[in-house]
């Protein structure tokens, strides 16, 4: 438990602007695999959010045939980003920084989910008008891209345009995979 809180504290410091905090992460092979513990934090938080706001019927795990779709969702959320990042940074010549990048990326996922839960709850419960929801969503994506840009820039020590390109690409891939998964799940429900 201390290991988890230690890494979350480091990434929280990073989000608050202290880039040097990333020097403390466990950037070993063991740390790489342990960073996927973040999934065991994020996924229950997502289920809790769905339960709290009455969207449990939208959770793939609880749908008919949803177990397979949920495994696909886990792969798209936790397996696809490391594979894509590995391919891209290998081509760009930053392969030696893959483990620190993924360790930071995985633990940062927990922090980002916690940060976006309150605005997400405000949009879900319609406490704010739709126009403001769009602005809030753009702000959330902008913030996520800014943090991702800083992460890529610091860990890879790459040029700013490379870090920006990676940040934009990963946000686009995340949104596209969510839309694709939604269409697959809708097709499964209607079939």
N, C-alpha and C. Protein backbone atom coordinates (compact mmCIF):
# COMPACT_ATOMS: atom_id res chain seq x y z
N UNK A 1 0.82 -1.19 0.00
CA UNK A 1 0.00 0.00 0.00
C UNK A 1 0.87 1.25 0.00
N UNK A 2 1.97 1.19 0.73
CA UNK A 2 2.90 2.32 0.77
C UNK A 2 3.46 2.59 -0.63
N UNK A 3 3.74 1.53 -1.37
CA UNK A 3 4.26 1.64 -2.73
C UNK A 3 3.28 2.41 -3.62
N UNK A 4 2.01 2.07 -3.50
CA UNK A 4 0.97 2.72 -4.31
C UNK A 4 0.88 4.20 -3.95
N UNK A 5 0.75 4.51 -2.66
CA UNK A 5 0.63 5.90 -2.24
C UNK A 5 1.87 6.72 -2.59
N UNK A 6 3.02 6.09 -2.51
CA UNK A 6 4.26 6.77 -2.86
C UNK A 6 4.23 7.23 -4.32
N UNK A 7 3.82 6.33 -5.21
CA UNK A 7 3.78 6.68 -6.63
C UNK A 7 2.66 7.67 -6.94
N UNK A 8 1.54 7.53 -6.29
CA UNK A 8 0.46 8.50 -6.51
C UNK A 8 0.88 9.88 -6.02
N UNK A 9 1.58 9.92 -4.92
CA UNK A 9 2.08 11.20 -4.39
C UNK A 9 3.08 11.83 -5.37
N UNK A 10 3.96 11.02 -5.94
CA UNK A 10 4.92 11.53 -6.92
C UNK A 10 4.20 12.12 -8.14
N UNK A 11 3.21 11.40 -8.65
CA UNK A 11 2.51 11.88 -9.84
C UNK A 11 1.61 13.07 -9.53
N UNK A 12 1.09 13.14 -8.31
CA UNK A 12 0.32 14.32 -7.91
C UNK A 12 1.24 15.53 -7.88
N UNK A 13 2.44 15.35 -7.40
CA UNK A 13 3.43 16.44 -7.40
C UNK A 13 3.75 16.86 -8.83
N UNK A 14 3.86 15.87 -9.72
CA UNK A 14 4.13 16.18 -11.13
C UNK A 14 2.99 17.01 -11.73
N UNK A 15 1.76 16.61 -11.47
CA UNK A 15 0.60 17.34 -12.00
C UNK A 15 0.60 18.78 -11.49
N UNK A 16 1.06 18.96 -10.25
CA UNK A 16 1.11 20.31 -9.67
C UNK A 16 2.31 21.11 -10.15
N UNK A 17 3.12 20.55 -11.05
CA UNK A 17 4.20 21.31 -11.66
C UNK A 17 5.60 20.94 -11.22
N UNK A 18 5.75 19.96 -10.38
CA UNK A 18 7.08 19.56 -9.90
C UNK A 18 7.59 18.38 -10.74
N UNK A 19 8.17 18.70 -11.89
CA UNK A 19 8.64 17.67 -12.82
C UNK A 19 9.66 16.74 -12.19
N UNK A 20 10.50 17.27 -11.32
CA UNK A 20 11.56 16.45 -10.71
C UNK A 20 11.01 15.29 -9.87
N UNK A 21 9.73 15.34 -9.52
CA UNK A 21 9.14 14.26 -8.73
C UNK A 21 9.21 12.93 -9.47
N UNK A 22 9.24 12.97 -10.80
CA UNK A 22 9.29 11.73 -11.57
C UNK A 22 10.61 10.99 -11.42
N UNK A 23 11.63 11.66 -10.92
CA UNK A 23 12.89 10.97 -10.68
C UNK A 23 12.75 9.90 -9.59
N UNK A 24 11.70 9.97 -8.79
CA UNK A 24 11.51 9.02 -7.71
C UNK A 24 10.73 7.77 -8.08
N UNK A 25 10.20 7.69 -9.30
CA UNK A 25 9.39 6.51 -9.66
C UNK A 25 10.25 5.27 -9.78
N UNK A 26 9.62 4.13 -9.64
CA UNK A 26 10.28 2.84 -9.77
C UNK A 26 10.35 2.50 -11.26
N UNK A 27 11.40 2.94 -11.92
CA UNK A 27 11.55 2.75 -13.37
C UNK A 27 12.33 1.49 -13.69
N UNK A 28 11.92 0.39 -13.06
CA UNK A 28 12.54 -0.91 -13.32
C UNK A 28 11.50 -1.81 -14.00
N UNK A 29 11.93 -2.99 -14.41
CA UNK A 29 10.96 -3.94 -15.00
C UNK A 29 9.88 -4.29 -13.96
N UNK A 30 10.30 -4.47 -12.73
CA UNK A 30 9.35 -4.76 -11.66
C UNK A 30 8.37 -3.59 -11.51
N UNK A 31 8.89 -2.37 -11.53
CA UNK A 31 8.05 -1.18 -11.43
C UNK A 31 7.09 -1.05 -12.60
N UNK A 32 7.56 -1.50 -13.78
CA UNK A 32 6.69 -1.49 -14.97
C UNK A 32 5.45 -2.34 -14.72
N UNK A 33 5.65 -3.58 -14.28
CA UNK A 33 4.52 -4.48 -14.07
C UNK A 33 3.67 -4.03 -12.88
N UNK A 34 4.32 -3.53 -11.83
CA UNK A 34 3.56 -3.05 -10.67
C UNK A 34 2.74 -1.81 -10.98
N UNK A 35 3.14 -1.05 -11.99
CA UNK A 35 2.39 0.16 -12.34
C UNK A 35 1.00 -0.18 -12.87
N UNK A 36 0.81 -1.41 -13.32
CA UNK A 36 -0.52 -1.80 -13.78
C UNK A 36 -1.48 -2.03 -12.61
N UNK A 37 -0.98 -1.93 -11.38
CA UNK A 37 -1.86 -1.92 -10.21
C UNK A 37 -2.81 -0.73 -10.31
N UNK A 38 -2.38 0.30 -11.01
CA UNK A 38 -3.21 1.48 -11.21
C UNK A 38 -4.57 1.09 -11.80
N UNK A 39 -4.57 0.05 -12.63
CA UNK A 39 -5.81 -0.44 -13.21
C UNK A 39 -6.77 -0.92 -12.12
N UNK A 40 -6.21 -1.50 -11.07
CA UNK A 40 -7.04 -2.01 -9.97
C UNK A 40 -7.60 -0.87 -9.12
N UNK A 41 -7.13 0.33 -9.34
CA UNK A 41 -7.67 1.50 -8.66
C UNK A 41 -8.68 2.21 -9.57
N UNK A 42 -8.31 2.39 -10.82
CA UNK A 42 -9.15 3.13 -11.77
C UNK A 42 -10.45 2.39 -12.07
N UNK A 43 -10.37 1.11 -12.31
CA UNK A 43 -11.58 0.37 -12.70
C UNK A 43 -12.64 0.35 -11.59
N UNK A 44 -12.30 0.07 -10.33
CA UNK A 44 -13.32 0.17 -9.28
C UNK A 44 -13.86 1.59 -9.12
N UNK A 45 -13.01 2.60 -9.31
CA UNK A 45 -13.50 3.99 -9.27
C UNK A 45 -14.54 4.23 -10.35
N UNK A 46 -14.31 3.68 -11.52
CA UNK A 46 -15.27 3.82 -12.62
C UNK A 46 -16.59 3.11 -12.28
N UNK A 47 -16.49 1.94 -11.69
CA UNK A 47 -17.70 1.21 -11.28
C UNK A 47 -18.45 1.97 -10.18
N UNK A 48 -17.71 2.53 -9.24
CA UNK A 48 -18.32 3.32 -8.17
C UNK A 48 -19.03 4.54 -8.75
N UNK A 49 -18.40 5.19 -9.70
CA UNK A 49 -18.99 6.36 -10.37
C UNK A 49 -20.30 5.96 -11.05
N UNK A 50 -20.28 4.83 -11.77
CA UNK A 50 -21.48 4.35 -12.45
C UNK A 50 -22.58 4.02 -11.46
N UNK A 51 -22.23 3.41 -10.35
CA UNK A 51 -23.20 3.07 -9.31
C UNK A 51 -23.78 4.33 -8.68
N UNK A 52 -22.92 5.27 -8.38
CA UNK A 52 -23.33 6.50 -7.71
C UNK A 52 -24.30 7.32 -8.55
N UNK A 53 -24.09 7.33 -9.86
CA UNK A 53 -24.91 8.18 -10.73
C UNK A 53 -25.89 7.40 -11.58
N UNK A 54 -26.13 6.14 -11.23
CA UNK A 54 -27.18 5.36 -11.87
C UNK A 54 -26.89 4.89 -13.28
N UNK A 55 -25.63 4.67 -13.59
CA UNK A 55 -25.28 4.23 -14.93
C UNK A 55 -24.69 2.83 -14.95
N UNK A 56 -25.07 2.00 -13.99
CA UNK A 56 -24.54 0.64 -13.96
C UNK A 56 -24.95 -0.17 -15.19
N UNK A 57 -26.12 0.15 -15.75
CA UNK A 57 -26.56 -0.58 -16.95
C UNK A 57 -25.68 -0.25 -18.15
N UNK A 58 -24.92 0.84 -18.09
CA UNK A 58 -24.00 1.21 -19.17
C UNK A 58 -22.64 0.51 -19.04
N UNK A 59 -22.35 -0.06 -17.88
CA UNK A 59 -21.06 -0.72 -17.67
C UNK A 59 -21.06 -2.04 -18.43
N UNK A 60 -20.06 -2.21 -19.29
CA UNK A 60 -20.01 -3.39 -20.16
C UNK A 60 -20.01 -4.69 -19.37
N UNK A 61 -19.39 -4.68 -18.21
CA UNK A 61 -19.26 -5.89 -17.40
C UNK A 61 -20.62 -6.47 -17.02
N UNK A 62 -21.63 -5.63 -16.88
CA UNK A 62 -22.93 -6.08 -16.40
C UNK A 62 -23.94 -6.31 -17.52
N UNK A 63 -23.52 -6.19 -18.75
CA UNK A 63 -24.41 -6.45 -19.87
C UNK A 63 -24.34 -7.91 -20.29
N UNK A 64 -25.35 -8.33 -21.04
CA UNK A 64 -25.32 -9.67 -21.59
C UNK A 64 -24.17 -9.77 -22.58
N UNK A 65 -23.29 -10.73 -22.39
CA UNK A 65 -22.11 -10.86 -23.24
C UNK A 65 -21.07 -9.79 -22.98
N UNK A 66 -21.23 -9.08 -21.88
CA UNK A 66 -20.35 -7.95 -21.60
C UNK A 66 -18.98 -8.33 -21.08
N UNK A 67 -18.81 -9.55 -20.60
CA UNK A 67 -17.50 -9.94 -20.09
C UNK A 67 -16.41 -9.82 -21.14
N UNK A 68 -16.72 -10.27 -22.35
CA UNK A 68 -15.76 -10.18 -23.45
C UNK A 68 -15.52 -8.72 -23.83
N UNK A 69 -16.60 -7.94 -23.87
CA UNK A 69 -16.45 -6.52 -24.20
C UNK A 69 -15.67 -5.78 -23.12
N UNK A 70 -15.86 -6.19 -21.88
CA UNK A 70 -15.13 -5.55 -20.79
C UNK A 70 -13.64 -5.85 -20.91
N UNK A 71 -13.30 -7.09 -21.27
CA UNK A 71 -11.89 -7.43 -21.49
C UNK A 71 -11.32 -6.62 -22.65
N UNK A 72 -12.13 -6.41 -23.69
CA UNK A 72 -11.70 -5.57 -24.81
C UNK A 72 -11.48 -4.13 -24.34
N UNK A 73 -12.37 -3.64 -23.49
CA UNK A 73 -12.23 -2.30 -22.94
C UNK A 73 -10.93 -2.19 -22.12
N UNK A 74 -10.65 -3.19 -21.30
CA UNK A 74 -9.41 -3.18 -20.52
C UNK A 74 -8.19 -3.15 -21.44
N UNK A 75 -8.24 -3.92 -22.52
CA UNK A 75 -7.12 -3.91 -23.46
C UNK A 75 -6.98 -2.53 -24.11
N UNK A 76 -8.09 -1.94 -24.54
CA UNK A 76 -8.03 -0.63 -25.20
C UNK A 76 -7.53 0.45 -24.24
N UNK A 77 -7.89 0.34 -22.97
CA UNK A 77 -7.49 1.36 -21.98
C UNK A 77 -6.08 1.14 -21.45
N UNK A 78 -5.68 -0.11 -21.25
CA UNK A 78 -4.43 -0.40 -20.55
C UNK A 78 -3.39 -1.13 -21.39
N UNK A 79 -3.78 -1.76 -22.47
CA UNK A 79 -2.83 -2.50 -23.29
C UNK A 79 -2.43 -1.77 -24.56
N UNK A 80 -3.40 -1.14 -25.20
CA UNK A 80 -3.14 -0.46 -26.46
C UNK A 80 -2.20 0.75 -26.32
N UNK A 81 -2.39 1.62 -25.32
CA UNK A 81 -1.47 2.77 -25.21
C UNK A 81 0.01 2.36 -25.07
N UNK A 82 0.36 1.40 -24.20
CA UNK A 82 1.77 1.01 -24.16
C UNK A 82 2.30 0.45 -25.48
N UNK A 83 1.46 -0.32 -26.18
CA UNK A 83 1.90 -0.88 -27.46
C UNK A 83 2.15 0.22 -28.50
N UNK A 84 1.23 1.16 -28.57
CA UNK A 84 1.38 2.27 -29.52
C UNK A 84 2.58 3.13 -29.15
N UNK A 85 2.70 3.45 -27.86
CA UNK A 85 3.82 4.27 -27.42
C UNK A 85 5.16 3.56 -27.69
N UNK A 86 5.21 2.26 -27.45
CA UNK A 86 6.43 1.51 -27.70
C UNK A 86 6.83 1.59 -29.17
N UNK A 87 5.84 1.40 -30.04
CA UNK A 87 6.13 1.45 -31.48
C UNK A 87 6.62 2.84 -31.88
N UNK A 88 5.95 3.87 -31.41
CA UNK A 88 6.31 5.24 -31.82
C UNK A 88 7.66 5.66 -31.25
N UNK A 89 7.86 5.43 -29.96
CA UNK A 89 9.12 5.91 -29.38
C UNK A 89 10.30 5.06 -29.83
N UNK A 90 10.05 3.83 -30.25
CA UNK A 90 11.14 3.03 -30.82
C UNK A 90 11.59 3.63 -32.15
N UNK A 91 10.63 4.03 -32.96
CA UNK A 91 10.95 4.65 -34.25
C UNK A 91 11.66 5.99 -34.03
N UNK A 92 11.25 6.73 -33.01
CA UNK A 92 11.84 8.04 -32.75
C UNK A 92 13.18 7.96 -32.00
N UNK A 93 13.55 6.77 -31.55
CA UNK A 93 14.83 6.60 -30.89
C UNK A 93 14.82 6.79 -29.38
N UNK A 94 13.66 6.68 -28.76
CA UNK A 94 13.56 6.86 -27.30
C UNK A 94 13.21 5.56 -26.59
N UNK A 95 13.52 4.44 -27.21
CA UNK A 95 13.11 3.14 -26.66
C UNK A 95 13.63 2.89 -25.25
N UNK A 96 14.79 3.44 -24.92
CA UNK A 96 15.36 3.23 -23.59
C UNK A 96 14.55 3.93 -22.49
N UNK A 97 13.62 4.77 -22.87
CA UNK A 97 12.79 5.49 -21.89
C UNK A 97 11.37 4.94 -21.81
N UNK A 98 11.16 3.79 -22.43
CA UNK A 98 9.82 3.20 -22.45
C UNK A 98 9.31 2.87 -21.05
N UNK A 99 10.12 2.21 -20.24
CA UNK A 99 9.66 1.80 -18.91
C UNK A 99 9.34 3.00 -18.02
N UNK A 100 10.21 4.01 -17.92
CA UNK A 100 9.83 5.17 -17.10
C UNK A 100 8.56 5.86 -17.63
N UNK A 101 8.40 5.88 -18.95
CA UNK A 101 7.22 6.52 -19.53
C UNK A 101 5.95 5.77 -19.15
N UNK A 102 5.94 4.46 -19.29
CA UNK A 102 4.73 3.69 -18.99
C UNK A 102 4.43 3.67 -17.50
N UNK A 103 5.46 3.57 -16.67
CA UNK A 103 5.24 3.62 -15.22
C UNK A 103 4.58 4.94 -14.85
N UNK A 104 5.10 6.03 -15.36
CA UNK A 104 4.52 7.35 -15.08
C UNK A 104 3.12 7.46 -15.66
N UNK A 105 2.95 6.99 -16.89
CA UNK A 105 1.67 7.06 -17.60
C UNK A 105 0.58 6.30 -16.83
N UNK A 106 0.91 5.10 -16.36
CA UNK A 106 -0.10 4.30 -15.64
C UNK A 106 -0.50 4.96 -14.32
N UNK A 107 0.48 5.39 -13.53
CA UNK A 107 0.13 6.02 -12.25
C UNK A 107 -0.57 7.36 -12.48
N UNK A 108 -0.20 8.06 -13.54
CA UNK A 108 -0.86 9.33 -13.86
C UNK A 108 -2.33 9.10 -14.21
N UNK A 109 -2.66 7.94 -14.74
CA UNK A 109 -4.06 7.62 -15.07
C UNK A 109 -4.95 7.71 -13.84
N UNK A 110 -4.45 7.26 -12.70
CA UNK A 110 -5.23 7.32 -11.47
C UNK A 110 -5.50 8.77 -11.09
N UNK A 111 -4.46 9.59 -11.13
CA UNK A 111 -4.60 11.00 -10.77
C UNK A 111 -5.58 11.69 -11.70
N UNK A 112 -5.47 11.42 -13.01
CA UNK A 112 -6.35 12.07 -13.98
C UNK A 112 -7.81 11.64 -13.79
N UNK A 113 -8.04 10.39 -13.47
CA UNK A 113 -9.41 9.94 -13.22
C UNK A 113 -9.97 10.65 -11.99
N UNK A 114 -9.18 10.74 -10.95
CA UNK A 114 -9.65 11.44 -9.74
C UNK A 114 -9.94 12.91 -10.02
N UNK A 115 -9.10 13.55 -10.82
CA UNK A 115 -9.31 14.97 -11.15
C UNK A 115 -10.57 15.17 -11.98
N UNK A 116 -10.85 14.26 -12.89
CA UNK A 116 -11.99 14.45 -13.79
C UNK A 116 -13.31 13.91 -13.25
N UNK A 117 -13.30 13.26 -12.10
CA UNK A 117 -14.55 12.70 -11.57
C UNK A 117 -15.57 13.77 -11.20
N UNK A 118 -15.15 14.83 -10.54
CA UNK A 118 -16.11 15.87 -10.14
C UNK A 118 -16.71 16.59 -11.34
N UNK A 119 -15.91 17.06 -12.30
CA UNK A 119 -16.54 17.66 -13.48
C UNK A 119 -17.42 16.67 -14.23
N UNK A 120 -16.98 15.41 -14.30
CA UNK A 120 -17.80 14.39 -14.95
C UNK A 120 -19.12 14.18 -14.25
N UNK A 121 -19.09 14.21 -12.92
CA UNK A 121 -20.33 14.07 -12.14
C UNK A 121 -21.26 15.25 -12.38
N UNK A 122 -20.68 16.44 -12.49
CA UNK A 122 -21.51 17.62 -12.75
C UNK A 122 -22.19 17.54 -14.11
N UNK A 123 -21.50 16.99 -15.10
CA UNK A 123 -22.09 16.83 -16.44
C UNK A 123 -23.11 15.70 -16.46
N UNK A 124 -22.78 14.59 -15.79
CA UNK A 124 -23.66 13.43 -15.77
C UNK A 124 -25.00 13.75 -15.12
N UNK A 125 -24.97 14.48 -14.02
CA UNK A 125 -26.20 14.79 -13.30
C UNK A 125 -26.89 16.04 -13.84
N UNK A 126 -26.31 16.60 -14.88
CA UNK A 126 -26.86 17.79 -15.54
C UNK A 126 -27.02 18.96 -14.57
N UNK A 127 -26.04 19.11 -13.67
CA UNK A 127 -26.02 20.25 -12.77
C UNK A 127 -25.61 21.53 -13.49
N UNK A 128 -25.03 21.35 -14.66
CA UNK A 128 -24.62 22.50 -15.46
C UNK A 128 -25.27 22.39 -16.83
N UNK A 129 -25.54 23.52 -17.48
CA UNK A 129 -26.20 23.48 -18.79
C UNK A 129 -25.31 22.81 -19.86
N UNK A 130 -25.93 22.30 -20.92
CA UNK A 130 -25.17 21.59 -21.96
C UNK A 130 -24.04 22.42 -22.57
N UNK A 131 -24.26 23.72 -22.78
CA UNK A 131 -23.21 24.55 -23.36
C UNK A 131 -21.98 24.60 -22.44
N UNK A 132 -22.23 24.70 -21.16
CA UNK A 132 -21.14 24.73 -20.20
C UNK A 132 -20.47 23.36 -20.11
N UNK A 133 -21.25 22.31 -20.32
CA UNK A 133 -20.68 20.95 -20.32
C UNK A 133 -19.66 20.80 -21.43
N UNK A 134 -19.98 21.34 -22.60
CA UNK A 134 -19.05 21.26 -23.73
C UNK A 134 -17.77 22.02 -23.40
N UNK A 135 -17.92 23.20 -22.83
CA UNK A 135 -16.74 23.99 -22.46
C UNK A 135 -15.92 23.26 -21.39
N UNK A 136 -16.61 22.66 -20.44
CA UNK A 136 -15.92 21.92 -19.38
C UNK A 136 -15.19 20.71 -19.95
N UNK A 137 -15.82 20.01 -20.88
CA UNK A 137 -15.19 18.85 -21.51
C UNK A 137 -13.95 19.28 -22.30
N UNK A 138 -14.05 20.38 -23.03
CA UNK A 138 -12.88 20.89 -23.76
C UNK A 138 -11.77 21.26 -22.79
N UNK A 139 -12.13 21.84 -21.66
CA UNK A 139 -11.14 22.17 -20.63
C UNK A 139 -10.47 20.94 -20.07
N UNK A 140 -11.26 19.88 -19.84
CA UNK A 140 -10.70 18.63 -19.32
C UNK A 140 -9.73 18.02 -20.32
N UNK A 141 -10.14 17.98 -21.60
CA UNK A 141 -9.23 17.44 -22.62
C UNK A 141 -7.98 18.31 -22.78
N UNK A 142 -8.16 19.61 -22.70
CA UNK A 142 -7.01 20.52 -22.77
C UNK A 142 -6.05 20.28 -21.62
N UNK A 143 -6.59 20.13 -20.42
CA UNK A 143 -5.75 19.87 -19.25
C UNK A 143 -5.04 18.53 -19.39
N UNK A 144 -5.76 17.51 -19.84
CA UNK A 144 -5.15 16.18 -20.02
C UNK A 144 -4.02 16.25 -21.05
N UNK A 145 -4.23 17.00 -22.13
CA UNK A 145 -3.18 17.12 -23.14
C UNK A 145 -1.98 17.89 -22.60
N UNK A 146 -2.22 18.90 -21.79
CA UNK A 146 -1.13 19.68 -21.21
C UNK A 146 -0.28 18.79 -20.29
N UNK A 147 -0.94 18.01 -19.44
CA UNK A 147 -0.21 17.11 -18.54
C UNK A 147 0.53 16.04 -19.35
N UNK A 148 -0.13 15.49 -20.37
CA UNK A 148 0.52 14.48 -21.21
C UNK A 148 1.73 15.09 -21.94
N UNK A 149 1.58 16.30 -22.45
CA UNK A 149 2.69 16.98 -23.11
C UNK A 149 3.88 17.11 -22.15
N UNK A 150 3.60 17.54 -20.93
CA UNK A 150 4.67 17.68 -19.94
C UNK A 150 5.32 16.34 -19.64
N UNK A 151 4.50 15.28 -19.54
CA UNK A 151 5.03 13.94 -19.26
C UNK A 151 5.96 13.49 -20.38
N UNK A 152 5.50 13.57 -21.63
CA UNK A 152 6.33 13.13 -22.75
C UNK A 152 7.59 13.98 -22.87
N UNK A 153 7.43 15.27 -22.70
CA UNK A 153 8.56 16.18 -22.81
C UNK A 153 9.63 15.88 -21.75
N UNK A 154 9.19 15.63 -20.53
CA UNK A 154 10.13 15.40 -19.43
C UNK A 154 10.77 14.01 -19.49
N UNK A 155 9.94 12.99 -19.65
CA UNK A 155 10.46 11.61 -19.61
C UNK A 155 11.29 11.30 -20.85
N UNK A 156 10.81 11.69 -22.02
CA UNK A 156 11.53 11.37 -23.25
C UNK A 156 12.63 12.38 -23.57
N UNK A 157 12.55 13.55 -22.94
CA UNK A 157 13.48 14.64 -23.25
C UNK A 157 13.51 14.89 -24.76
N UNK A 158 12.33 14.97 -25.33
CA UNK A 158 12.19 15.14 -26.77
C UNK A 158 11.84 16.60 -27.10
N UNK A 159 11.93 16.97 -28.37
CA UNK A 159 11.55 18.32 -28.76
C UNK A 159 10.07 18.59 -28.46
N UNK A 160 9.71 19.86 -28.25
CA UNK A 160 8.33 20.20 -27.89
C UNK A 160 7.29 19.70 -28.89
N UNK A 161 7.58 19.78 -30.19
CA UNK A 161 6.59 19.35 -31.17
C UNK A 161 6.38 17.83 -31.14
N UNK A 162 7.41 17.08 -30.80
CA UNK A 162 7.26 15.63 -30.66
C UNK A 162 6.37 15.32 -29.47
N UNK A 163 6.61 15.99 -28.35
CA UNK A 163 5.79 15.77 -27.15
C UNK A 163 4.34 16.17 -27.41
N UNK A 164 4.15 17.30 -28.09
CA UNK A 164 2.79 17.76 -28.40
C UNK A 164 2.10 16.77 -29.34
N UNK A 165 2.83 16.30 -30.35
CA UNK A 165 2.26 15.33 -31.28
C UNK A 165 1.85 14.05 -30.58
N UNK A 166 2.69 13.56 -29.67
CA UNK A 166 2.34 12.35 -28.90
C UNK A 166 1.11 12.59 -28.03
N UNK A 167 1.05 13.75 -27.39
CA UNK A 167 -0.11 14.06 -26.53
C UNK A 167 -1.40 14.09 -27.34
N UNK A 168 -1.37 14.76 -28.48
CA UNK A 168 -2.56 14.84 -29.34
C UNK A 168 -2.93 13.46 -29.86
N UNK A 169 -1.93 12.72 -30.33
CA UNK A 169 -2.18 11.38 -30.87
C UNK A 169 -2.81 10.46 -29.83
N UNK A 170 -2.31 10.47 -28.61
CA UNK A 170 -2.84 9.57 -27.59
C UNK A 170 -4.26 9.97 -27.17
N UNK A 171 -4.57 11.25 -27.16
CA UNK A 171 -5.94 11.68 -26.86
C UNK A 171 -6.88 11.23 -27.98
N UNK A 172 -6.45 11.41 -29.22
CA UNK A 172 -7.27 10.98 -30.36
C UNK A 172 -7.49 9.48 -30.33
N UNK A 173 -6.45 8.71 -30.05
CA UNK A 173 -6.58 7.25 -29.98
C UNK A 173 -7.52 6.85 -28.85
N UNK A 174 -7.42 7.53 -27.71
CA UNK A 174 -8.32 7.24 -26.59
C UNK A 174 -9.78 7.50 -26.93
N UNK A 175 -10.04 8.64 -27.57
CA UNK A 175 -11.41 8.99 -27.96
C UNK A 175 -11.92 8.02 -29.04
N UNK A 176 -11.07 7.74 -30.03
CA UNK A 176 -11.48 6.84 -31.12
C UNK A 176 -11.76 5.43 -30.60
N UNK A 177 -10.93 4.95 -29.68
CA UNK A 177 -11.18 3.59 -29.16
C UNK A 177 -12.45 3.55 -28.32
N UNK A 178 -12.75 4.65 -27.61
CA UNK A 178 -14.00 4.71 -26.83
C UNK A 178 -15.21 4.69 -27.76
N UNK A 179 -15.16 5.47 -28.85
CA UNK A 179 -16.27 5.47 -29.81
C UNK A 179 -16.41 4.11 -30.49
N UNK A 180 -15.28 3.51 -30.85
CA UNK A 180 -15.32 2.21 -31.50
C UNK A 180 -15.91 1.16 -30.56
N UNK A 181 -15.47 1.17 -29.30
CA UNK A 181 -15.99 0.21 -28.33
C UNK A 181 -17.49 0.43 -28.10
N UNK A 182 -17.91 1.69 -28.08
CA UNK A 182 -19.34 1.98 -27.90
C UNK A 182 -20.15 1.43 -29.08
N UNK A 183 -19.65 1.60 -30.31
CA UNK A 183 -20.38 1.09 -31.46
C UNK A 183 -20.42 -0.44 -31.47
N UNK A 184 -19.32 -1.07 -31.06
CA UNK A 184 -19.29 -2.54 -30.97
C UNK A 184 -20.26 -3.02 -29.91
N UNK A 185 -20.30 -2.33 -28.77
CA UNK A 185 -21.21 -2.75 -27.69
C UNK A 185 -22.67 -2.53 -28.09
N UNK A 186 -22.96 -1.46 -28.83
CA UNK A 186 -24.33 -1.23 -29.30
C UNK A 186 -24.74 -2.28 -30.32
N UNK A 187 -23.82 -2.67 -31.19
CA UNK A 187 -24.11 -3.70 -32.18
C UNK A 187 -24.36 -5.04 -31.50
N UNK A 188 -23.63 -5.30 -30.41
CA UNK A 188 -23.81 -6.55 -29.66
C UNK A 188 -25.16 -6.57 -28.96
N UNK A 189 -25.57 -5.42 -28.41
CA UNK A 189 -26.86 -5.32 -27.72
C UNK A 189 -28.01 -5.50 -28.70
N UNK A 190 -27.92 -4.90 -29.90
CA UNK A 190 -29.01 -4.97 -30.85
C UNK A 190 -29.05 -6.30 -31.60
N UNK A 191 -27.97 -7.06 -31.52
CA UNK A 191 -27.92 -8.35 -32.25
C UNK A 191 -28.64 -9.44 -31.51
